[in-house]
Amino acid sequence: MATKIQRIKLSMRALLLTFLAACASSQHWVKSGVTSAASNQSLATCALESEGKVAFSTDPATTEPRQRQVDRLTTLCMQAQGYIKETGPFGD
């Protein structure tokens, strides 16, 4: 069984990977009248909340399905706030 510190480290790594993947993609979240900085802050909040809602596992077979669940919850959170995911260059 993973210790609390190990779970926290795993959570932080998963969160970092999520943000790095988001930065590398050409998709971003937009909302009328909202700057990209505010959009990124909303995304970070949604991602962090989503991480806390999905159970951890040390089984490598469940790591990817867990990340898909986190991504899905993050998407739902952003959509609930009125954001739309668009493809293209970043900017305000």
C-alpha atoms as a PDB file:
ATOM      1  CA  MET A   1       0.000   0.000   0.000  1.00  0.00           C
ATOM      2  CA  ALA A   2       1.341   3.391  -0.962  1.00  0.00           C
ATOM      3  CA  THR A   3       2.094   5.855   1.768  1.00  0.00           C
ATOM      4  CA  LYS A   4       0.465   9.256   1.853  1.00  0.00           C
ATOM      5  CA  ILE A   5       3.687  10.916   0.670  1.00  0.00           C
ATOM      6  CA  GLN A   6       3.974   8.485  -2.249  1.00  0.00           C
ATOM      7  CA  ARG A   7       0.387   9.224  -3.249  1.00  0.00           C
ATOM      8  CA  ILE A   8       1.025  12.963  -3.076  1.00  0.00           C
ATOM      9  CA  LYS A   9       4.167  12.608  -5.213  1.00  0.00           C
ATOM     10  CA  LEU A  10       2.252  10.506  -7.734  1.00  0.00           C
ATOM     11  CA  SER A  11      -0.522  13.085  -7.802  1.00  0.00           C
ATOM     12  CA  MET A  12       1.912  15.926  -8.412  1.00  0.00           C
ATOM     13  CA  ARG A  13       3.617  14.000 -11.213  1.00  0.00           C
ATOM     14  CA  ALA A  14       0.293  13.258 -12.874  1.00  0.00           C
ATOM     15  CA  LEU A  15      -0.745  16.894 -12.563  1.00  0.00           C
ATOM     16  CA  LEU A  16       2.547  18.066 -14.047  1.00  0.00           C
ATOM     17  CA  LEU A  17       2.195  15.633 -16.940  1.00  0.00           C
ATOM     18  CA  THR A  18      -1.332  16.883 -17.548  1.00  0.00           C
ATOM     19  CA  PHE A  19      -0.143  20.479 -17.744  1.00  0.00           C
ATOM     20  CA  LEU A  20       2.806  19.600 -19.965  1.00  0.00           C
ATOM     21  CA  ALA A  21       0.515  17.714 -22.319  1.00  0.00           C
ATOM     22  CA  ALA A  22      -1.878  20.658 -22.395  1.00  0.00           C
ATOM     23  CA  CYS A  23       0.963  23.044 -23.230  1.00  0.00           C
ATOM     24  CA  ALA A  24       2.231  20.795 -26.011  1.00  0.00           C
ATOM     25  CA  SER A  25      -1.154  20.487 -27.722  1.00  0.00           C
ATOM     26  CA  SER A  26      -2.564  23.023 -30.131  1.00  0.00           C
ATOM     27  CA  GLN A  27      -5.895  22.933 -28.335  1.00  0.00           C
ATOM     28  CA  HIS A  28      -6.788  25.476 -25.699  1.00  0.00           C
ATOM     29  CA  TRP A  29      -9.818  26.655 -23.756  1.00  0.00           C
ATOM     30  CA  VAL A  30     -11.508  29.936 -24.678  1.00  0.00           C
ATOM     31  CA  LYS A  31     -14.345  31.951 -23.249  1.00  0.00           C
ATOM     32  CA  SER A  32     -15.578  35.312 -24.474  1.00  0.00           C
ATOM     33  CA  GLY A  33     -14.077  38.161 -22.484  1.00  0.00           C
ATOM     34  CA  VAL A  34     -11.588  35.942 -20.652  1.00  0.00           C
ATOM     35  CA  THR A  35      -7.812  36.266 -21.079  1.00  0.00           C
ATOM     36  CA  SER A  36      -5.622  33.243 -21.720  1.00  0.00           C
ATOM     37  CA  ALA A  37      -4.064  33.748 -18.266  1.00  0.00           C
ATOM     38  CA  ALA A  38      -7.484  33.519 -16.603  1.00  0.00           C
ATOM     39  CA  SER A  39      -8.343  30.529 -18.793  1.00  0.00           C
ATOM     40  CA  ASN A  40      -5.128  28.787 -17.738  1.00  0.00           C
ATOM     41  CA  GLN A  41      -5.928  29.479 -14.098  1.00  0.00           C
ATOM     42  CA  SER A  42      -9.396  27.953 -14.519  1.00  0.00           C
ATOM     43  CA  LEU A  43      -7.852  24.938 -16.237  1.00  0.00           C
ATOM     44  CA  ALA A  44      -5.374  24.483 -13.392  1.00  0.00           C
ATOM     45  CA  THR A  45      -8.169  24.686 -10.830  1.00  0.00           C
ATOM     46  CA  CYS A  46     -10.323  22.184 -12.721  1.00  0.00           C
ATOM     47  CA  ALA A  47      -7.392  19.797 -13.193  1.00  0.00           C
ATOM     48  CA  LEU A  48      -6.467  19.948  -9.515  1.00  0.00           C
ATOM     49  CA  GLU A  49     -10.064  19.335  -8.439  1.00  0.00           C
ATOM     50  CA  SER A  50     -10.346  16.447 -10.904  1.00  0.00           C
ATOM     51  CA  GLU A  51      -7.148  14.849  -9.588  1.00  0.00           C
ATOM     52  CA  GLY A  52      -8.689  14.766  -6.124  1.00  0.00           C
ATOM     53  CA  LYS A  53     -11.867  13.074  -7.310  1.00  0.00           C
ATOM     54  CA  VAL A  54     -10.272  10.033  -8.974  1.00  0.00           C
ATOM     55  CA  ALA A  55      -8.815   7.270  -6.806  1.00  0.00           C
ATOM     56  CA  PHE A  56      -5.098   6.481  -6.962  1.00  0.00           C
ATOM     57  CA  SER A  57      -3.597   3.126  -7.720  1.00  0.00           C
ATOM     58  CA  THR A  58      -0.022   1.873  -7.815  1.00  0.00           C
ATOM     59  CA  ASP A  59      -1.001  -0.667 -10.481  1.00  0.00           C
ATOM     60  CA  PRO A  60       0.534   0.491 -13.797  1.00  0.00           C
ATOM     61  CA  ALA A  61      -2.400  -1.042 -15.657  1.00  0.00           C
ATOM     62  CA  THR A  62      -4.774   1.515 -14.124  1.00  0.00           C
ATOM     63  CA  THR A  63      -2.589   4.612 -14.546  1.00  0.00           C
ATOM     64  CA  GLU A  64      -3.743   5.472 -18.073  1.00  0.00           C
ATOM     65  CA  PRO A  65      -7.454   4.818 -17.434  1.00  0.00           C
ATOM     66  CA  ARG A  66      -7.177   7.023 -14.323  1.00  0.00           C
ATOM     67  CA  GLN A  67      -5.647   9.832 -16.374  1.00  0.00           C
ATOM     68  CA  ARG A  68      -8.476   9.552 -18.915  1.00  0.00           C
ATOM     69  CA  GLN A  69     -10.972   9.908 -16.056  1.00  0.00           C
ATOM     70  CA  VAL A  70      -9.126  12.960 -14.751  1.00  0.00           C
ATOM     71  CA  ASP A  71      -9.062  14.474 -18.249  1.00  0.00           C
ATOM     72  CA  ARG A  72     -12.789  13.829 -18.685  1.00  0.00           C
ATOM     73  CA  LEU A  73     -13.631  15.476 -15.349  1.00  0.00           C
ATOM     74  CA  THR A  74     -11.367  18.421 -16.200  1.00  0.00           C
ATOM     75  CA  THR A  75     -13.169  18.845 -19.528  1.00  0.00           C
ATOM     76  CA  LEU A  76     -16.577  18.733 -17.837  1.00  0.00           C
ATOM     77  CA  CYS A  77     -15.432  21.308 -15.259  1.00  0.00           C
ATOM     78  CA  MET A  78     -14.238  23.698 -17.963  1.00  0.00           C
ATOM     79  CA  GLN A  79     -17.407  23.242 -20.014  1.00  0.00           C
ATOM     80  CA  ALA A  80     -19.538  23.885 -16.916  1.00  0.00           C
ATOM     81  CA  GLN A  81     -17.788  27.245 -16.587  1.00  0.00           C
ATOM     82  CA  GLY A  82     -18.655  28.148 -20.184  1.00  0.00           C
ATOM     83  CA  TYR A  83     -15.286  27.421 -21.810  1.00  0.00           C
ATOM     84  CA  ILE A  84     -14.976  25.942 -25.288  1.00  0.00           C
ATOM     85  CA  LYS A  85     -11.983  23.895 -26.431  1.00  0.00           C
ATOM     86  CA  GLU A  86     -10.557  25.255 -29.680  1.00  0.00           C
ATOM     87  CA  THR A  87      -7.684  24.276 -31.930  1.00  0.00           C
ATOM     88  CA  GLY A  88      -5.223  26.907 -33.091  1.00  0.00           C
ATOM     89  CA  PRO A  89      -2.647  29.398 -31.860  1.00  0.00           C
ATOM     90  CA  PHE A  90      -2.679  30.651 -28.294  1.00  0.00           C
ATOM     91  CA  GLY A  91      -3.498  34.259 -27.549  1.00  0.00           C
ATOM     92  CA  ASP A  92      -5.899  36.633 -25.862  1.00  0.00           C
END
